[in-house]
Amino acid sequence: AFWERKADLAAASAWWGGVDSDLMANIAGKIHPGAARYYKEIGWA
């Protein structure tokens, strides 16, 4: 829901414009398996 609506969020509030796949590298710990399933579906390593 977050990523599919991210463009709409950015259109309403500019601070969402800087959130993209590059920020995934800043996640130092483990990602929830359910979230990881979504990232695998969209091809994010």
ModelCIF file with pLDDT and N, C-alpha, C, O atoms, coordinates in Angstrom:
data_MODEL
#
_entry.id   MODEL 
#
_entity.id                         1 
_entity.type                       polymer 
_entity.pdbx_number_of_molecules   1 
#
_entity_poly.entity_id                      1 
_entity_poly.type                           'polypeptide(L)' 
_entity_poly.nstd_linkage                   no 
_entity_poly.nstd_monomer                   no 
_entity_poly.pdbx_seq_one_letter_code       AFWERKADLAAASAWWGGVDSDLMANIAGKIHPGAARYYKEIGWA 
_entity_poly.pdbx_seq_one_letter_code_can   AFWERKADLAAASAWWGGVDSDLMANIAGKIHPGAARYYKEIGWA 
_entity_poly.pdbx_strand_id                 A 
#
loop_
_entity_poly_seq.entity_id 
_entity_poly_seq.num 
_entity_poly_seq.mon_id 
_entity_poly_seq.hetero 
1 1  ALA n 
1 2  PHE n 
1 3  TRP n 
1 4  GLU n 
1 5  ARG n 
1 6  LYS n 
1 7  ALA n 
1 8  ASP n 
1 9  LEU n 
1 10 ALA n 
1 11 ALA n 
1 12 ALA n 
1 13 SER n 
1 14 ALA n 
1 15 TRP n 
1 16 TRP n 
1 17 GLY n 
1 18 GLY n 
1 19 VAL n 
1 20 ASP n 
1 21 SER n 
1 22 ASP n 
1 23 LEU n 
1 24 MET n 
1 25 ALA n 
1 26 ASN n 
1 27 ILE n 
1 28 ALA n 
1 29 GLY n 
1 30 LYS n 
1 31 ILE n 
1 32 HIS n 
1 33 PRO n 
1 34 GLY n 
1 35 ALA n 
1 36 ALA n 
1 37 ARG n 
1 38 TYR n 
1 39 TYR n 
1 40 LYS n 
1 41 GLU n 
1 42 ILE n 
1 43 GLY n 
1 44 TRP n 
1 45 ALA n 
#
_struct_asym.id          A 
_struct_asym.entity_id   1 
#
loop_
_ma_qa_metric.id 
_ma_qa_metric.mode 
_ma_qa_metric.name 
_ma_qa_metric.software_group_id 
_ma_qa_metric.type 
1 global pLDDT . pLDDT 
2 local  pLDDT . pLDDT 
#
_ma_qa_metric_global.metric_id      1 
_ma_qa_metric_global.metric_value   94.18 
_ma_qa_metric_global.model_id       1 
_ma_qa_metric_global.ordinal_id     1 
#
loop_
_ma_qa_metric_local.label_asym_id 
_ma_qa_metric_local.label_comp_id 
_ma_qa_metric_local.label_seq_id 
_ma_qa_metric_local.metric_id 
_ma_qa_metric_local.metric_value 
_ma_qa_metric_local.model_id 
_ma_qa_metric_local.ordinal_id 
A ALA 1  2 97.00 1 1  
A PHE 2  2 97.00 1 2  
A TRP 3  2 97.00 1 3  
A GLU 4  2 96.00 1 4  
A ARG 5  2 96.00 1 5  
A LYS 6  2 96.00 1 6  
A ALA 7  2 95.00 1 7  
A ASP 8  2 96.00 1 8  
A LEU 9  2 96.00 1 9  
A ALA 10 2 94.00 1 10 
A ALA 11 2 94.00 1 11 
A ALA 12 2 93.00 1 12 
A SER 13 2 91.00 1 13 
A ALA 14 2 87.00 1 14 
A TRP 15 2 91.00 1 15 
A TRP 16 2 94.00 1 16 
A GLY 17 2 89.00 1 17 
A GLY 18 2 86.00 1 18 
A VAL 19 2 93.00 1 19 
A ASP 20 2 92.00 1 20 
A SER 21 2 93.00 1 21 
A ASP 22 2 90.00 1 22 
A LEU 23 2 91.00 1 23 
A MET 24 2 94.00 1 24 
A ALA 25 2 90.00 1 25 
A ASN 26 2 89.00 1 26 
A ILE 27 2 92.00 1 27 
A ALA 28 2 88.00 1 28 
A GLY 29 2 90.00 1 29 
A LYS 30 2 96.00 1 30 
A ILE 31 2 98.00 1 31 
A HIS 32 2 98.00 1 32 
A PRO 33 2 97.00 1 33 
A GLY 34 2 98.00 1 34 
A ALA 35 2 98.00 1 35 
A ALA 36 2 97.00 1 36 
A ARG 37 2 98.00 1 37 
A TYR 38 2 98.00 1 38 
A TYR 39 2 97.00 1 39 
A LYS 40 2 97.00 1 40 
A GLU 41 2 97.00 1 41 
A ILE 42 2 97.00 1 42 
A GLY 43 2 96.00 1 43 
A TRP 44 2 96.00 1 44 
A ALA 45 2 93.00 1 45 
#
loop_
_atom_site.group_PDB 
_atom_site.id 
_atom_site.type_symbol 
_atom_site.label_atom_id 
_atom_site.label_alt_id 
_atom_site.label_comp_id 
_atom_site.label_asym_id 
_atom_site.label_entity_id 
_atom_site.label_seq_id 
_atom_site.pdbx_PDB_ins_code 
_atom_site.Cartn_x 
_atom_site.Cartn_y 
_atom_site.Cartn_z 
_atom_site.occupancy 
_atom_site.B_iso_or_equiv 
_atom_site.pdbx_formal_charge 
_atom_site.auth_seq_id 
_atom_site.auth_comp_id 
_atom_site.auth_asym_id 
_atom_site.auth_atom_id 
_atom_site.pdbx_PDB_model_num 
ATOM 1   N N  . ALA A 1 1  ? 0.831  -1.208  0.000  1.00 97.00 ? 1  ALA A N  1 
ATOM 2   C CA . ALA A 1 1  ? 0.000  0.000   0.000  1.00 97.00 ? 1  ALA A CA 1 
ATOM 3   C C  . ALA A 1 1  ? 0.864  1.255   0.000  1.00 97.00 ? 1  ALA A C  1 
ATOM 4   O O  . ALA A 1 1  ? 0.572  2.219   -0.708 1.00 97.00 ? 1  ALA A O  1 
ATOM 5   N N  . PHE A 1 2  ? 1.931  1.236   0.800  1.00 97.00 ? 2  PHE A N  1 
ATOM 6   C CA . PHE A 1 2  ? 2.795  2.412   0.873  1.00 97.00 ? 2  PHE A CA 1 
ATOM 7   C C  . PHE A 1 2  ? 3.422  2.718   -0.482 1.00 97.00 ? 2  PHE A C  1 
ATOM 8   O O  . PHE A 1 2  ? 3.331  3.844   -0.970 1.00 97.00 ? 2  PHE A O  1 
ATOM 9   N N  . TRP A 1 3  ? 4.056  1.720   -1.088 1.00 97.00 ? 3  TRP A N  1 
ATOM 10  C CA . TRP A 1 3  ? 4.774  1.991   -2.331 1.00 97.00 ? 3  TRP A CA 1 
ATOM 11  C C  . TRP A 1 3  ? 3.830  2.263   -3.495 1.00 97.00 ? 3  TRP A C  1 
ATOM 12  O O  . TRP A 1 3  ? 4.142  3.075   -4.366 1.00 97.00 ? 3  TRP A O  1 
ATOM 13  N N  . GLU A 1 4  ? 2.686  1.599   -3.520 1.00 96.00 ? 4  GLU A N  1 
ATOM 14  C CA . GLU A 1 4  ? 1.758  1.836   -4.623 1.00 96.00 ? 4  GLU A CA 1 
ATOM 15  C C  . GLU A 1 4  ? 1.125  3.214   -4.542 1.00 96.00 ? 4  GLU A C  1 
ATOM 16  O O  . GLU A 1 4  ? 0.690  3.754   -5.558 1.00 96.00 ? 4  GLU A O  1 
ATOM 17  N N  . ARG A 1 5  ? 1.068  3.792   -3.346 1.00 96.00 ? 5  ARG A N  1 
ATOM 18  C CA . ARG A 1 5  ? 0.493  5.126   -3.172 1.00 96.00 ? 5  ARG A CA 1 
ATOM 19  C C  . ARG A 1 5  ? 1.567  6.205   -3.027 1.00 96.00 ? 5  ARG A C  1 
ATOM 20  O O  . ARG A 1 5  ? 1.244  7.374   -2.818 1.00 96.00 ? 5  ARG A O  1 
ATOM 21  N N  . LYS A 1 6  ? 2.832  5.824   -3.135 1.00 96.00 ? 6  LYS A N  1 
ATOM 22  C CA . LYS A 1 6  ? 3.911  6.781   -2.878 1.00 96.00 ? 6  LYS A CA 1 
ATOM 23  C C  . LYS A 1 6  ? 3.850  7.982   -3.815 1.00 96.00 ? 6  LYS A C  1 
ATOM 24  O O  . LYS A 1 6  ? 4.079  9.111   -3.381 1.00 96.00 ? 6  LYS A O  1 
ATOM 25  N N  . ALA A 1 7  ? 3.548  7.761   -5.076 1.00 95.00 ? 7  ALA A N  1 
ATOM 26  C CA . ALA A 1 7  ? 3.451  8.874   -6.030 1.00 95.00 ? 7  ALA A CA 1 
ATOM 27  C C  . ALA A 1 7  ? 2.344  9.839   -5.633 1.00 95.00 ? 7  ALA A C  1 
ATOM 28  O O  . ALA A 1 7  ? 2.509  11.054  -5.743 1.00 95.00 ? 7  ALA A O  1 
ATOM 29  N N  . ASP A 1 8  ? 1.223  9.307   -5.173 1.00 96.00 ? 8  ASP A N  1 
ATOM 30  C CA . ASP A 1 8  ? 0.127  10.165  -4.712 1.00 96.00 ? 8  ASP A CA 1 
ATOM 31  C C  . ASP A 1 8  ? 0.536  10.933  -3.467 1.00 96.00 ? 8  ASP A C  1 
ATOM 32  O O  . ASP A 1 8  ? 0.201  12.108  -3.314 1.00 96.00 ? 8  ASP A O  1 
ATOM 33  N N  . LEU A 1 9  ? 1.268  10.260  -2.572 1.00 96.00 ? 9  LEU A N  1 
ATOM 34  C CA . LEU A 1 9  ? 1.751  10.937  -1.372 1.00 96.00 ? 9  LEU A CA 1 
ATOM 35  C C  . LEU A 1 9  ? 2.663  12.099  -1.753 1.00 96.00 ? 9  LEU A C  1 
ATOM 36  O O  . LEU A 1 9  ? 2.554  13.185  -1.185 1.00 96.00 ? 9  LEU A O  1 
ATOM 37  N N  . ALA A 1 10 ? 3.562  11.874  -2.711 1.00 94.00 ? 10 ALA A N  1 
ATOM 38  C CA . ALA A 1 10 ? 4.500  12.912  -3.131 1.00 94.00 ? 10 ALA A CA 1 
ATOM 39  C C  . ALA A 1 10 ? 3.788  14.073  -3.817 1.00 94.00 ? 10 ALA A C  1 
ATOM 40  O O  . ALA A 1 10 ? 4.212  15.223  -3.700 1.00 94.00 ? 10 ALA A O  1 
ATOM 41  N N  . ALA A 1 11 ? 2.715  13.771  -4.527 1.00 94.00 ? 11 ALA A N  1 
ATOM 42  C CA . ALA A 1 11 ? 1.960  14.834  -5.190 1.00 94.00 ? 11 ALA A CA 1 
ATOM 43  C C  . ALA A 1 11 ? 1.286  15.743  -4.167 1.00 94.00 ? 11 ALA A C  1 
ATOM 44  O O  . ALA A 1 11 ? 1.108  16.938  -4.401 1.00 94.00 ? 11 ALA A O  1 
ATOM 45  N N  . ALA A 1 12 ? 0.919  15.162  -3.038 1.00 93.00 ? 12 ALA A N  1 
ATOM 46  C CA . ALA A 1 12 ? 0.249  15.944  -1.993 1.00 93.00 ? 12 ALA A CA 1 
ATOM 47  C C  . ALA A 1 12 ? 1.233  16.632  -1.055 1.00 93.00 ? 12 ALA A C  1 
ATOM 48  O O  . ALA A 1 12 ? 0.974  17.747  -0.601 1.00 93.00 ? 12 ALA A O  1 
ATOM 49  N N  . SER A 1 13 ? 2.363  15.979  -0.755 1.00 91.00 ? 13 SER A N  1 
ATOM 50  C CA . SER A 1 13 ? 3.363  16.528  0.173  1.00 91.00 ? 13 SER A CA 1 
ATOM 51  C C  . SER A 1 13 ? 4.750  16.252  -0.396 1.00 91.00 ? 13 SER A C  1 
ATOM 52  O O  . SER A 1 13 ? 5.131  15.099  -0.600 1.00 91.00 ? 13 SER A O  1 
ATOM 53  N N  . ALA A 1 14 ? 5.497  17.322  -0.649 1.00 87.00 ? 14 ALA A N  1 
ATOM 54  C CA . ALA A 1 14 ? 6.769  17.198  -1.370 1.00 87.00 ? 14 ALA A CA 1 
ATOM 55  C C  . ALA A 1 14 ? 7.797  16.345  -0.657 1.00 87.00 ? 14 ALA A C  1 
ATOM 56  O O  . ALA A 1 14 ? 8.696  15.805  -1.301 1.00 87.00 ? 14 ALA A O  1 
ATOM 57  N N  . TRP A 1 15 ? 7.688  16.207  0.679  1.00 91.00 ? 15 TRP A N  1 
ATOM 58  C CA . TRP A 1 15 ? 8.729  15.457  1.395  1.00 91.00 ? 15 TRP A CA 1 
ATOM 59  C C  . TRP A 1 15 ? 8.783  13.983  1.001  1.00 91.00 ? 15 TRP A C  1 
ATOM 60  O O  . TRP A 1 15 ? 9.794  13.321  1.237  1.00 91.00 ? 15 TRP A O  1 
ATOM 61  N N  . TRP A 1 16 ? 7.706  13.457  0.401  1.00 94.00 ? 16 TRP A N  1 
ATOM 62  C CA . TRP A 1 16 ? 7.741  12.061  -0.041 1.00 94.00 ? 16 TRP A CA 1 
ATOM 63  C C  . TRP A 1 16 ? 8.531  11.885  -1.331 1.00 94.00 ? 16 TRP A C  1 
ATOM 64  O O  . TRP A 1 16 ? 8.858  10.759  -1.707 1.00 94.00 ? 16 TRP A O  1 
ATOM 65  N N  . GLY A 1 17 ? 8.845  12.992  -2.019 1.00 89.00 ? 17 GLY A N  1 
ATOM 66  C CA . GLY A 1 17 ? 9.547  12.905  -3.294 1.00 89.00 ? 17 GLY A CA 1 
ATOM 67  C C  . GLY A 1 17 ? 10.937 12.304  -3.189 1.00 89.00 ? 17 GLY A C  1 
ATOM 68  O O  . GLY A 1 17 ? 11.442 11.728  -4.153 1.00 89.00 ? 17 GLY A O  1 
ATOM 69  N N  . GLY A 1 18 ? 11.563 12.437  -2.019 1.00 86.00 ? 18 GLY A N  1 
ATOM 70  C CA . GLY A 1 18 ? 12.910 11.914  -1.847 1.00 86.00 ? 18 GLY A CA 1 
ATOM 71  C C  . GLY A 1 18 ? 12.968 10.462  -1.421 1.00 86.00 ? 18 GLY A C  1 
ATOM 72  O O  . GLY A 1 18 ? 14.053 9.910   -1.242 1.00 86.00 ? 18 GLY A O  1 
ATOM 73  N N  . VAL A 1 19 ? 11.816 9.838   -1.258 1.00 93.00 ? 19 VAL A N  1 
ATOM 74  C CA . VAL A 1 19 ? 11.779 8.428   -0.845 1.00 93.00 ? 19 VAL A CA 1 
ATOM 75  C C  . VAL A 1 19 ? 11.721 7.554   -2.091 1.00 93.00 ? 19 VAL A C  1 
ATOM 76  O O  . VAL A 1 19 ? 10.761 7.608   -2.860 1.00 93.00 ? 19 VAL A O  1 
ATOM 77  N N  . ASP A 1 20 ? 12.757 6.753   -2.278 1.00 92.00 ? 20 ASP A N  1 
ATOM 78  C CA . ASP A 1 20 ? 12.792 5.870   -3.432 1.00 92.00 ? 20 ASP A CA 1 
ATOM 79  C C  . ASP A 1 20 ? 13.588 4.611   -3.089 1.00 92.00 ? 20 ASP A C  1 
ATOM 80  O O  . ASP A 1 20 ? 13.972 4.404   -1.938 1.00 92.00 ? 20 ASP A O  1 
ATOM 81  N N  . SER A 1 21 ? 13.828 3.790   -4.080 1.00 93.00 ? 21 SER A N  1 
ATOM 82  C CA . SER A 1 21 ? 14.499 2.509   -3.840 1.00 93.00 ? 21 SER A CA 1 
ATOM 83  C C  . SER A 1 21 ? 15.912 2.684   -3.293 1.00 93.00 ? 21 SER A C  1 
ATOM 84  O O  . SER A 1 21 ? 16.431 1.784   -2.633 1.00 93.00 ? 21 SER A O  1 
ATOM 85  N N  . ASP A 1 22 ? 16.544 3.838   -3.559 1.00 90.00 ? 22 ASP A N  1 
ATOM 86  C CA . ASP A 1 22 ? 17.901 4.060   -3.051 1.00 90.00 ? 22 ASP A CA 1 
ATOM 87  C C  . ASP A 1 22 ? 17.948 4.034   -1.520 1.00 90.00 ? 22 ASP A C  1 
ATOM 88  O O  . ASP A 1 22 ? 18.964 3.652   -0.939 1.00 90.00 ? 22 ASP A O  1 
ATOM 89  N N  . LEU A 1 23 ? 16.857 4.437   -0.869 1.00 91.00 ? 23 LEU A N  1 
ATOM 90  C CA . LEU A 1 23 ? 16.842 4.485   0.595  1.00 91.00 ? 23 LEU A CA 1 
ATOM 91  C C  . LEU A 1 23 ? 16.771 3.096   1.218  1.00 91.00 ? 23 LEU A C  1 
ATOM 92  O O  . LEU A 1 23 ? 16.972 2.952   2.424  1.00 91.00 ? 23 LEU A O  1 
ATOM 93  N N  . MET A 1 24 ? 16.489 2.074   0.418  1.00 94.00 ? 24 MET A N  1 
ATOM 94  C CA . MET A 1 24 ? 16.446 0.723   0.962  1.00 94.00 ? 24 MET A CA 1 
ATOM 95  C C  . MET A 1 24 ? 17.809 0.306   1.518  1.00 94.00 ? 24 MET A C  1 
ATOM 96  O O  . MET A 1 24 ? 17.889 -0.509  2.438  1.00 94.00 ? 24 MET A O  1 
ATOM 97  N N  . ALA A 1 25 ? 18.882 0.873   0.950  1.00 90.00 ? 25 ALA A N  1 
ATOM 98  C CA . ALA A 1 25 ? 20.235 0.538   1.411  1.00 90.00 ? 25 ALA A CA 1 
ATOM 99  C C  . ALA A 1 25 ? 20.482 1.016   2.836  1.00 90.00 ? 25 ALA A C  1 
ATOM 100 O O  . ALA A 1 25 ? 21.400 0.536   3.501  1.00 90.00 ? 25 ALA A O  1 
ATOM 101 N N  . ASN A 1 26 ? 19.665 1.964   3.312  1.00 89.00 ? 26 ASN A N  1 
ATOM 102 C CA . ASN A 1 26 ? 19.841 2.494   4.672  1.00 89.00 ? 26 ASN A CA 1 
ATOM 103 C C  . ASN A 1 26 ? 19.230 1.592   5.740  1.00 89.00 ? 26 ASN A C  1 
ATOM 104 O O  . ASN A 1 26 ? 19.418 1.830   6.933  1.00 89.00 ? 26 ASN A O  1 
ATOM 105 N N  . ILE A 1 27 ? 18.502 0.563   5.321  1.00 92.00 ? 27 ILE A N  1 
ATOM 106 C CA . ILE A 1 27 ? 17.916 -0.367  6.287  1.00 92.00 ? 27 ILE A CA 1 
ATOM 107 C C  . ILE A 1 27 ? 18.996 -1.372  6.670  1.00 92.00 ? 27 ILE A C  1 
ATOM 108 O O  . ILE A 1 27 ? 19.320 -2.283  5.909  1.00 92.00 ? 27 ILE A O  1 
ATOM 109 N N  . ALA A 1 28 ? 19.547 -1.185  7.874  1.00 88.00 ? 28 ALA A N  1 
ATOM 110 C CA . ALA A 1 28 ? 20.681 -2.005  8.295  1.00 88.00 ? 28 ALA A CA 1 
ATOM 111 C C  . ALA A 1 28 ? 20.265 -3.366  8.856  1.00 88.00 ? 28 ALA A C  1 
ATOM 112 O O  . ALA A 1 28 ? 21.038 -4.321  8.789  1.00 88.00 ? 28 ALA A O  1 
ATOM 113 N N  . GLY A 1 29 ? 19.057 -3.463  9.407  1.00 90.00 ? 29 GLY A N  1 
ATOM 114 C CA . GLY A 1 29 ? 18.620 -4.709  10.025 1.00 90.00 ? 29 GLY A CA 1 
ATOM 115 C C  . GLY A 1 29 ? 17.749 -5.546  9.111  1.00 90.00 ? 29 GLY A C  1 
ATOM 116 O O  . GLY A 1 29 ? 17.718 -5.343  7.898  1.00 90.00 ? 29 GLY A O  1 
ATOM 117 N N  . LYS A 1 30 ? 17.047 -6.481  9.706  1.00 96.00 ? 30 LYS A N  1 
ATOM 118 C CA . LYS A 1 30 ? 16.224 -7.420  8.946  1.00 96.00 ? 30 LYS A CA 1 
ATOM 119 C C  . LYS A 1 30 ? 14.909 -6.785  8.504  1.00 96.00 ? 30 LYS A C  1 
ATOM 120 O O  . LYS A 1 30 ? 14.316 -5.973  9.214  1.00 96.00 ? 30 LYS A O  1 
ATOM 121 N N  . ILE A 1 31 ? 14.478 -7.175  7.325  1.00 98.00 ? 31 ILE A N  1 
ATOM 122 C CA . ILE A 1 31 ? 13.191 -6.738  6.780  1.00 98.00 ? 31 ILE A CA 1 
ATOM 123 C C  . ILE A 1 31 ? 12.159 -7.823  7.059  1.00 98.00 ? 31 ILE A C  1 
ATOM 124 O O  . ILE A 1 31 ? 12.458 -9.013  6.962  1.00 98.00 ? 31 ILE A O  1 
ATOM 125 N N  . HIS A 1 32 ? 10.950 -7.411  7.403  1.00 98.00 ? 32 HIS A N  1 
ATOM 126 C CA . HIS A 1 32 ? 9.879  -8.375  7.703  1.00 98.00 ? 32 HIS A CA 1 
ATOM 127 C C  . HIS A 1 32 ? 9.657  -9.289  6.491  1.00 98.00 ? 32 HIS A C  1 
ATOM 128 O O  . HIS A 1 32 ? 9.627  -8.808  5.358  1.00 98.00 ? 32 HIS A O  1 
ATOM 129 N N  . PRO A 1 33 ? 9.504  -10.592 6.715  1.00 97.00 ? 33 PRO A N  1 
ATOM 130 C CA . PRO A 1 33 ? 9.302  -11.520 5.590  1.00 97.00 ? 33 PRO A CA 1 
ATOM 131 C C  . PRO A 1 33 ? 8.139  -11.122 4.678  1.00 97.00 ? 33 PRO A C  1 
ATOM 132 O O  . PRO A 1 33 ? 8.213  -11.312 3.464  1.00 97.00 ? 33 PRO A O  1 
ATOM 133 N N  . GLY A 1 34 ? 7.072  -10.575 5.252  1.00 98.00 ? 34 GLY A N  1 
ATOM 134 C CA . GLY A 1 34 ? 5.947  -10.147 4.423  1.00 98.00 ? 34 GLY A CA 1 
ATOM 135 C C  . GLY A 1 34 ? 6.320  -8.996  3.517  1.00 98.00 ? 34 GLY A C  1 
ATOM 136 O O  . GLY A 1 34 ? 5.936  -8.971  2.347  1.00 98.00 ? 34 GLY A O  1 
ATOM 137 N N  . ALA A 1 35 ? 7.078  -8.026  4.056  1.00 98.00 ? 35 ALA A N  1 
ATOM 138 C CA . ALA A 1 35 ? 7.562  -6.915  3.241  1.00 98.00 ? 35 ALA A CA 1 
ATOM 139 C C  . ALA A 1 35 ? 8.557  -7.415  2.199  1.00 98.00 ? 35 ALA A C  1 
ATOM 140 O O  . ALA A 1 35 ? 8.542  -6.967  1.052  1.00 98.00 ? 35 ALA A O  1 
ATOM 141 N N  . ALA A 1 36 ? 9.422  -8.343  2.600  1.00 97.00 ? 36 ALA A N  1 
ATOM 142 C CA . ALA A 1 36 ? 10.414 -8.898  1.676  1.00 97.00 ? 36 ALA A CA 1 
ATOM 143 C C  . ALA A 1 36 ? 9.739  -9.585  0.489  1.00 97.00 ? 36 ALA A C  1 
ATOM 144 O O  . ALA A 1 36 ? 10.236 -9.537  -0.636 1.00 97.00 ? 36 ALA A O  1 
ATOM 145 N N  . ARG A 1 37 ? 8.603  -10.223 0.759  1.00 98.00 ? 37 ARG A N  1 
ATOM 146 C CA . ARG A 1 37 ? 7.865  -10.858 -0.335 1.00 98.00 ? 37 ARG A CA 1 
ATOM 147 C C  . ARG A 1 37 ? 7.453  -9.823  -1.384 1.00 98.00 ? 37 ARG A C  1 
ATOM 148 O O  . ARG A 1 37 ? 7.542  -10.078 -2.586 1.00 98.00 ? 37 ARG A O  1 
ATOM 149 N N  . TYR A 1 38 ? 7.004  -8.659  -0.920 1.00 98.00 ? 38 TYR A N  1 
ATOM 150 C CA . TYR A 1 38 ? 6.611  -7.611  -1.863 1.00 98.00 ? 38 TYR A CA 1 
ATOM 151 C C  . TYR A 1 38 ? 7.818  -7.128  -2.656 1.00 98.00 ? 38 TYR A C  1 
ATOM 152 O O  . TYR A 1 38 ? 7.734  -6.966  -3.873 1.00 98.00 ? 38 TYR A O  1 
ATOM 153 N N  . TYR A 1 39 ? 8.939  -6.895  -1.979 1.00 97.00 ? 39 TYR A N  1 
ATOM 154 C CA . TYR A 1 39 ? 10.130 -6.405  -2.678 1.00 97.00 ? 39 TYR A CA 1 
ATOM 155 C C  . TYR A 1 39 ? 10.613 -7.410  -3.720 1.00 97.00 ? 39 TYR A C  1 
ATOM 156 O O  . TYR A 1 39 ? 11.077 -7.016  -4.790 1.00 97.00 ? 39 TYR A O  1 
ATOM 157 N N  . LYS A 1 40 ? 10.509 -8.673  -3.424 1.00 97.00 ? 40 LYS A N  1 
ATOM 158 C CA . LYS A 1 40 ? 10.888 -9.705  -4.402 1.00 97.00 ? 40 LYS A CA 1 
ATOM 159 C C  . LYS A 1 40 ? 9.955  -9.659  -5.608 1.00 97.00 ? 40 LYS A C  1 
ATOM 160 O O  . LYS A 1 40 ? 10.395 -9.815  -6.747 1.00 97.00 ? 40 LYS A O  1 
ATOM 161 N N  . GLU A 1 41 ? 8.672  -9.443  -5.353 1.00 97.00 ? 41 GLU A N  1 
ATOM 162 C CA . GLU A 1 41 ? 7.697  -9.389  -6.447 1.00 97.00 ? 41 GLU A CA 1 
ATOM 163 C C  . GLU A 1 41 ? 7.997  -8.266  -7.423 1.00 97.00 ? 41 GLU A C  1 
ATOM 164 O O  . GLU A 1 41 ? 7.812  -8.422  -8.630 1.00 97.00 ? 41 GLU A O  1 
ATOM 165 N N  . ILE A 1 42 ? 8.467  -7.114  -6.899 1.00 97.00 ? 42 ILE A N  1 
ATOM 166 C CA . ILE A 1 42 ? 8.713  -5.976  -7.786 1.00 97.00 ? 42 ILE A CA 1 
ATOM 167 C C  . ILE A 1 42 ? 10.168 -5.927  -8.269 1.00 97.00 ? 42 ILE A C  1 
ATOM 168 O O  . ILE A 1 42 ? 10.564 -5.001  -8.977 1.00 97.00 ? 42 ILE A O  1 
ATOM 169 N N  . GLY A 1 43 ? 10.962 -6.943  -7.876 1.00 96.00 ? 43 GLY A N  1 
ATOM 170 C CA . GLY A 1 43 ? 12.308 -7.061  -8.409 1.00 96.00 ? 43 GLY A CA 1 
ATOM 171 C C  . GLY A 1 43 ? 13.373 -6.239  -7.714 1.00 96.00 ? 43 GLY A C  1 
ATOM 172 O O  . GLY A 1 43 ? 14.425 -5.982  -8.300 1.00 96.00 ? 43 GLY A O  1 
ATOM 173 N N  . TRP A 1 44 ? 13.132 -5.816  -6.471 1.00 96.00 ? 44 TRP A N  1 
ATOM 174 C CA . TRP A 1 44 ? 14.141 -5.081  -5.723 1.00 96.00 ? 44 TRP A CA 1 
ATOM 175 C C  . TRP A 1 44 ? 15.022 -6.064  -4.963 1.00 96.00 ? 44 TRP A C  1 
ATOM 176 O O  . TRP A 1 44 ? 14.535 -6.919  -4.223 1.00 96.00 ? 44 TRP A O  1 
ATOM 177 N N  . ALA A 1 45 ? 16.304 -5.923  -5.158 1.00 93.00 ? 45 ALA A N  1 
ATOM 178 C CA . ALA A 1 45 ? 17.249 -6.825  -4.493 1.00 93.00 ? 45 ALA A CA 1 
ATOM 179 C C  . ALA A 1 45 ? 17.449 -6.417  -3.033 1.00 93.00 ? 45 ALA A C  1 
ATOM 180 O O  . ALA A 1 45 ? 18.210 -7.060  -2.310 1.00 93.00 ? 45 ALA A O  1 
#
